[in-house]
Every structure is written in C-alpha cells, then in structure tokens.
Amino acid sequence: YRPSDVPDEQAALEFLRGAFEMGVRVFDTAPSYAYSEQRLGLFLKELTPEQRASVTVATKFGETWDFSRGEPVTAHDYDSLMASLENSYRLLGRIDVLQVHKSTPAVLRSGEVRCALDDARGMGVGVLGASLKDLDSAVIACTEHPFTQMQFPFNAKNRMMLPAMEEARA
C-alpha cells in the first residue's frame, strides 16, 4: 500500500459517478480496502432514493484496515465482526450482500461467525456469502446454511476454482 496508488476522494467520487452513469449497479467493497466503504458511502448519499434502490451494495467482514499501520487486520471473533458490520452500516446505509472475508473451512463453521451472520440477517442483510480462495470453503458455501453466495478469484491464468463454479451450478 502506497498512498500515491490510491485515488483521492474527489477522483474516487468521479469514478463512481461515471460508473453509475454507464449503468453499473453492483458495487463491491470491504473495510479492508482502506477508504473504499467511506468513499462509496459518500457516493451513495448523492443518489436519489430511486437511484439508491437500484443499487446492490456488497461488503465483507472479517478483515479491516488498520490506518495507523497501513495494512489489513483479520479477525473473525464475534465482537470484531459486529463492530465491523456496524461501521459498514454507518458508512453505507444499507448492505445487500455480506460476505465473510478471508474464509476458510474453520472460519465458515465457527460458532462466532455463524452468530454474527444470524445477527446480520436480523439487521436486514439479504444475502450472506463467503469470499474465499479454496475448494473446501467453496463446498461449504454451496451446501451449508446460511450461505447463498460466494466470491473467488477466477481468470484465464487462474482456473483453480473451476470446480467451485461447477459445485455452485449443481
């Protein structure tokens, strides 16, 4: 992370406005992406109620950004998850999709994580999922309650998660 690599607030807002004008309606963010939730939240506040209703906001919990150290911090205990979720709500106003960041099988099956997901559902989150990088976590996300969504790396050079797509399709 180098501050010069991150656009300033005005540039970020211009980018988000342009994306919205081009038809983008799904925005993915996370507390661990430094200023991302804060800047997306400012953009969302500019929208009319009708425009905001047309937008899907996905965020994550389980990893936050430590501004003093300039690095992400992973924590999957209940208190950390809920503090992160409450801050995300404060910044974004509404969360449509919530994913567990840095998922592993142990994290996805953790009682504290499951309690936090239940509480997130009670707070109005509609879709619960996992951001993951391994096939065992993908099987859990495809087959166990309360998960109905997953996010993972997949591209022409990295096809390791192809079985996860097939599992999701099944």
Protein backbone atom coordinates (compact mmCIF):
# COMPACT_ATOMS: atom_id res chain seq x y z
CA TYR A 1 0.00 0.00 0.00
CA ARG A 2 1.34 3.36 -1.05
CA PRO A 3 -0.86 6.44 -0.60
CA SER A 4 0.00 7.60 -4.11
CA ASP A 5 -1.62 4.43 -5.51
CA VAL A 6 -5.00 5.32 -4.02
CA PRO A 7 -7.10 7.97 -5.80
CA ASP A 8 -8.11 10.92 -3.69
CA GLU A 9 -11.70 11.29 -2.54
CA GLN A 10 -12.73 13.56 -5.44
CA ALA A 11 -11.26 11.21 -8.06
CA ALA A 12 -12.95 8.23 -6.42
CA LEU A 13 -16.32 10.00 -6.40
CA GLU A 14 -15.94 10.99 -10.06
CA PHE A 15 -15.13 7.38 -10.91
CA LEU A 16 -18.19 6.09 -9.04
CA ARG A 17 -20.45 8.68 -10.68
CA GLY A 18 -19.14 7.69 -14.10
CA ALA A 19 -19.67 4.01 -13.38
CA PHE A 20 -23.25 4.69 -12.28
CA GLU A 21 -23.91 6.77 -15.42
CA MET A 22 -22.65 3.85 -17.53
CA GLY A 23 -25.13 1.50 -15.84
CA VAL A 24 -23.09 -0.13 -13.08
CA ARG A 25 -25.49 -1.08 -10.30
CA VAL A 26 -23.48 -3.59 -8.25
CA PHE A 27 -20.69 -2.23 -6.06
CA ASP A 28 -18.37 -4.48 -4.06
CA THR A 29 -16.38 -3.04 -1.17
CA ALA A 30 -14.85 -4.06 2.15
CA PRO A 31 -13.50 -2.43 5.30
CA SER A 32 -10.07 -3.85 4.41
CA TYR A 33 -9.99 -1.78 1.21
CA ALA A 34 -8.90 1.29 3.22
CA TYR A 35 -11.14 4.22 2.21
CA SER A 36 -13.46 2.19 -0.04
CA GLU A 37 -16.56 2.00 2.18
CA GLN A 38 -16.21 5.63 3.23
CA ARG A 39 -15.99 6.85 -0.37
CA LEU A 40 -18.71 4.55 -1.66
CA GLY A 41 -20.93 5.74 1.19
CA LEU A 42 -20.40 9.38 0.19
CA PHE A 43 -21.36 8.50 -3.38
CA LEU A 44 -24.46 6.58 -2.26
CA LYS A 45 -25.65 9.62 -0.29
CA GLU A 46 -25.66 11.62 -3.55
CA LEU A 47 -28.21 9.29 -5.13
CA THR A 48 -31.94 9.87 -5.10
CA PRO A 49 -33.98 7.26 -3.20
CA GLU A 50 -35.00 5.72 -6.54
CA GLN A 51 -31.39 5.53 -7.74
CA ARG A 52 -30.23 4.07 -4.43
CA ALA A 53 -32.94 1.43 -4.62
CA SER A 54 -31.47 0.32 -7.97
CA VAL A 55 -28.01 -0.30 -6.48
CA THR A 56 -26.75 -3.51 -4.87
CA VAL A 57 -24.00 -3.00 -2.30
CA ALA A 58 -21.83 -5.93 -1.30
CA THR A 59 -19.34 -5.69 1.53
CA LYS A 60 -17.44 -8.02 3.80
CA PHE A 61 -16.49 -8.54 7.40
CA GLY A 62 -13.66 -10.47 8.96
CA GLU A 63 -10.90 -8.16 7.80
CA THR A 64 -10.50 -4.42 8.40
CA TRP A 65 -7.89 -1.81 7.51
CA ASP A 66 -5.51 -0.54 10.17
CA PHE A 67 -4.81 3.03 9.06
CA SER A 68 -2.01 3.51 11.62
CA ARG A 69 -0.06 0.50 10.28
CA GLY A 70 -1.24 0.77 6.68
CA GLU A 71 -2.27 -2.88 6.46
CA PRO A 72 -5.26 -5.19 6.77
CA VAL A 73 -6.12 -6.94 10.03
CA THR A 74 -8.03 -10.23 10.04
CA ALA A 75 -10.36 -11.01 12.95
CA HIS A 76 -13.25 -13.48 12.92
CA ASP A 77 -14.35 -13.25 16.57
CA TYR A 78 -17.95 -12.15 17.16
CA ASP A 79 -17.14 -8.74 18.66
CA SER A 80 -14.79 -7.79 15.82
CA LEU A 81 -17.26 -8.96 13.19
CA MET A 82 -20.12 -6.98 14.73
CA ALA A 83 -18.02 -3.82 15.18
CA SER A 84 -17.04 -4.07 11.52
CA LEU A 85 -20.63 -4.66 10.42
CA GLU A 86 -21.95 -1.73 12.45
CA ASN A 87 -19.30 0.55 10.96
CA SER A 88 -20.14 -0.66 7.46
CA TYR A 89 -23.82 0.14 8.05
CA ARG A 90 -22.87 3.59 9.34
CA LEU A 91 -20.85 4.31 6.20
CA LEU A 92 -23.04 2.58 3.58
CA GLY A 93 -26.56 2.96 4.98
CA ARG A 94 -27.71 -0.42 3.67
CA ILE A 95 -25.93 -3.70 2.94
CA ASP A 96 -27.45 -6.04 0.38
CA VAL A 97 -24.76 -8.73 0.32
CA LEU A 98 -22.43 -9.55 3.22
CA GLN A 99 -19.53 -11.92 2.73
CA VAL A 100 -17.16 -13.42 5.27
CA HIS A 101 -13.74 -12.14 4.22
CA LYS A 102 -10.70 -14.43 4.34
CA SER A 103 -12.90 -17.51 4.61
CA THR A 104 -11.53 -20.92 5.46
CA PRO A 105 -13.50 -24.03 6.40
CA ALA A 106 -12.81 -23.38 10.09
CA VAL A 107 -13.95 -19.76 9.81
CA LEU A 108 -17.13 -20.66 7.90
CA ARG A 109 -18.06 -23.24 10.52
CA SER A 110 -17.14 -21.06 13.51
CA GLY A 111 -19.96 -20.53 16.00
CA GLU A 112 -18.97 -16.88 16.41
CA VAL A 113 -19.08 -16.30 12.66
CA ARG A 114 -22.44 -18.07 12.40
CA CYS A 115 -23.86 -15.92 15.25
CA ALA A 116 -22.62 -12.75 13.55
CA LEU A 117 -24.20 -13.86 10.26
CA ASP A 118 -27.51 -14.53 12.03
CA ASP A 119 -27.35 -11.06 13.57
CA ALA A 120 -26.51 -9.54 10.18
CA ARG A 121 -29.61 -11.20 8.74
CA GLY A 122 -31.60 -9.70 11.63
CA MET A 123 -30.18 -6.27 10.73
CA GLY A 124 -31.58 -6.56 7.21
CA VAL A 125 -28.78 -8.09 5.16
CA GLY A 126 -30.48 -10.04 2.39
CA VAL A 127 -27.68 -12.25 1.05
CA LEU A 128 -24.95 -13.94 3.09
CA GLY A 129 -21.87 -15.38 1.48
CA ALA A 130 -18.16 -16.01 1.58
CA SER A 131 -15.13 -14.51 -0.09
CA LEU A 132 -12.82 -17.48 -0.47
CA LYS A 133 -9.81 -18.96 -2.21
CA ASP A 134 -10.01 -22.71 -1.56
CA LEU A 135 -12.25 -25.52 -2.77
CA ASP A 136 -13.17 -26.83 0.69
CA SER A 137 -14.59 -23.42 1.63
CA ALA A 138 -16.48 -23.32 -1.66
CA VAL A 139 -18.19 -26.63 -0.86
CA ILE A 140 -19.33 -25.21 2.49
CA ALA A 141 -20.57 -22.00 0.83
CA CYS A 142 -22.52 -24.08 -1.71
CA THR A 143 -24.05 -26.58 0.67
CA GLU A 144 -24.45 -25.14 4.16
CA HIS A 145 -26.89 -22.65 5.63
CA PRO A 146 -26.82 -19.62 5.69
CA PHE A 147 -24.59 -19.17 2.64
CA THR A 148 -26.17 -18.41 -0.73
CA GLN A 149 -23.32 -16.59 -2.45
CA MET A 150 -19.56 -16.82 -2.89
CA GLN A 151 -16.80 -14.75 -4.41
CA PHE A 152 -13.45 -16.16 -5.52
CA PRO A 153 -10.60 -15.46 -7.92
CA PHE A 154 -11.06 -16.87 -11.40
CA ASN A 155 -9.49 -15.78 -14.67
CA ALA A 156 -7.69 -17.11 -17.73
CA LYS A 157 -4.48 -17.68 -15.74
CA ASN A 158 -6.11 -18.92 -12.52
CA ARG A 159 -8.75 -21.59 -13.09
CA MET A 160 -8.19 -23.41 -9.78
CA MET A 161 -11.72 -22.60 -8.62
CA LEU A 162 -13.46 -24.07 -11.68
CA PRO A 163 -14.80 -26.96 -9.56
CA ALA A 164 -16.39 -24.35 -7.26
CA MET A 165 -18.33 -22.96 -10.22
CA GLU A 166 -19.47 -26.44 -11.10
CA GLU A 167 -20.49 -27.07 -7.46
CA ALA A 168 -22.44 -23.80 -7.41
CA ARG A 169 -24.20 -24.65 -10.64
CA ALA A 170 -25.17 -28.08 -9.26
